[in-house]
Amino acid sequence: MLSEPWRLRDCLDVHQHGLYDFEVDTATSSARECAEAIKEFVDRPPATRAFDELRGRARRHDPSAT
């Protein structure tokens, strides 16, 4: 339970970048539709990943990052 404000803030900060490999909208899609979309994604992953982009961003901002 996220009853303490600092915990909620921490959770929001983690996703501040807004870059993901894949997303589903559980507000507009059924559980089955989401599961099918996830399965399709897993079967055909993208050539580049969000972490690759985020790593590149970090390196551009911090030359000492490896």
C-alpha atoms as a PDB file:
ATOM      1  CA  MET A   1       0.000   0.000   0.000  1.00  0.00           C
ATOM      2  CA  LEU A   2       1.357   3.399  -0.948  1.00  0.00           C
ATOM      3  CA  SER A   3      -0.059   5.422   1.915  1.00  0.00           C
ATOM      4  CA  GLU A   4       3.050   7.547   2.476  1.00  0.00           C
ATOM      5  CA  PRO A   5       3.497  10.427  -0.019  1.00  0.00           C
ATOM      6  CA  TRP A   6       7.234   9.821  -0.515  1.00  0.00           C
ATOM      7  CA  ARG A   7       6.554   6.287  -1.695  1.00  0.00           C
ATOM      8  CA  LEU A   8       4.086   7.439  -4.337  1.00  0.00           C
ATOM      9  CA  ARG A   9       6.533  10.112  -5.494  1.00  0.00           C
ATOM     10  CA  ASP A  10       9.294   7.485  -5.776  1.00  0.00           C
ATOM     11  CA  CYS A  11       7.065   5.269  -7.917  1.00  0.00           C
ATOM     12  CA  LEU A  12       6.193   8.120 -10.241  1.00  0.00           C
ATOM     13  CA  ASP A  13       9.844   9.172 -10.622  1.00  0.00           C
ATOM     14  CA  VAL A  14      10.841   5.684 -11.758  1.00  0.00           C
ATOM     15  CA  HIS A  15       8.592   5.969 -14.809  1.00  0.00           C
ATOM     16  CA  GLN A  16       9.273   9.629 -15.550  1.00  0.00           C
ATOM     17  CA  HIS A  17      11.257   8.782 -18.721  1.00  0.00           C
ATOM     18  CA  GLY A  18       8.093   7.505 -20.420  1.00  0.00           C
ATOM     19  CA  LEU A  19      10.004   5.130 -22.688  1.00  0.00           C
ATOM     20  CA  TYR A  20       8.965   1.489 -22.775  1.00  0.00           C
ATOM     21  CA  ASP A  21       9.454  -1.503 -25.045  1.00  0.00           C
ATOM     22  CA  PHE A  22       5.774  -2.308 -24.888  1.00  0.00           C
ATOM     23  CA  GLU A  23       2.562  -1.000 -23.336  1.00  0.00           C
ATOM     24  CA  VAL A  24      -0.993  -2.206 -22.979  1.00  0.00           C
ATOM     25  CA  ASP A  25      -3.959  -0.123 -21.928  1.00  0.00           C
ATOM     26  CA  THR A  26      -5.833  -2.115 -19.317  1.00  0.00           C
ATOM     27  CA  ALA A  27      -8.516   0.578 -19.205  1.00  0.00           C
ATOM     28  CA  THR A  28      -9.586  -0.072 -22.786  1.00  0.00           C
ATOM     29  CA  SER A  29      -8.488  -3.677 -23.403  1.00  0.00           C
ATOM     30  CA  SER A  30      -9.682  -6.872 -21.782  1.00  0.00           C
ATOM     31  CA  ALA A  31      -7.315  -9.149 -19.897  1.00  0.00           C
ATOM     32  CA  ARG A  32      -7.405 -11.559 -22.850  1.00  0.00           C
ATOM     33  CA  GLU A  33      -6.592  -8.786 -25.344  1.00  0.00           C
ATOM     34  CA  CYS A  34      -3.688  -7.637 -23.175  1.00  0.00           C
ATOM     35  CA  ALA A  35      -2.395 -11.199 -22.839  1.00  0.00           C
ATOM     36  CA  GLU A  36      -2.582 -11.735 -26.594  1.00  0.00           C
ATOM     37  CA  ALA A  37      -0.734  -8.472 -27.243  1.00  0.00           C
ATOM     38  CA  ILE A  38       1.960  -9.445 -24.724  1.00  0.00           C
ATOM     39  CA  LYS A  39       2.353 -12.862 -26.344  1.00  0.00           C
ATOM     40  CA  GLU A  40       2.759 -11.259 -29.777  1.00  0.00           C
ATOM     41  CA  PHE A  41       5.371  -8.875 -28.372  1.00  0.00           C
ATOM     42  CA  VAL A  42       7.333 -11.676 -26.699  1.00  0.00           C
ATOM     43  CA  ASP A  43       7.267 -13.705 -29.911  1.00  0.00           C
ATOM     44  CA  ARG A  44       8.648 -10.744 -31.913  1.00  0.00           C
ATOM     45  CA  PRO A  45      10.751  -8.469 -29.705  1.00  0.00           C
ATOM     46  CA  PRO A  46      11.925  -5.122 -31.115  1.00  0.00           C
ATOM     47  CA  ALA A  47      15.413  -4.730 -32.585  1.00  0.00           C
ATOM     48  CA  THR A  48      16.214  -2.009 -30.066  1.00  0.00           C
ATOM     49  CA  ARG A  49      15.102  -1.889 -26.467  1.00  0.00           C
ATOM     50  CA  ALA A  50      14.058   0.996 -24.255  1.00  0.00           C
ATOM     51  CA  PHE A  51      17.051   0.299 -21.996  1.00  0.00           C
ATOM     52  CA  ASP A  52      19.373   0.818 -24.967  1.00  0.00           C
ATOM     53  CA  GLU A  53      17.888   4.272 -25.539  1.00  0.00           C
ATOM     54  CA  LEU A  54      17.922   5.127 -21.828  1.00  0.00           C
ATOM     55  CA  ARG A  55      21.537   3.985 -21.547  1.00  0.00           C
ATOM     56  CA  GLY A  56      22.430   6.227 -24.478  1.00  0.00           C
ATOM     57  CA  ARG A  57      20.667   9.169 -22.857  1.00  0.00           C
ATOM     58  CA  ALA A  58      22.552   8.592 -19.609  1.00  0.00           C
ATOM     59  CA  ARG A  59      25.875   8.475 -21.434  1.00  0.00           C
ATOM     60  CA  ARG A  60      25.139  11.711 -23.279  1.00  0.00           C
ATOM     61  CA  HIS A  61      24.395  13.439 -19.966  1.00  0.00           C
ATOM     62  CA  ASP A  62      27.218  11.844 -17.957  1.00  0.00           C
ATOM     63  CA  PRO A  63      30.470  11.129 -19.826  1.00  0.00           C
ATOM     64  CA  SER A  64      31.675   8.922 -16.956  1.00  0.00           C
ATOM     65  CA  ALA A  65      28.686   6.566 -17.334  1.00  0.00           C
ATOM     66  CA  THR A  66      29.567   3.167 -18.766  1.00  0.00           C
END
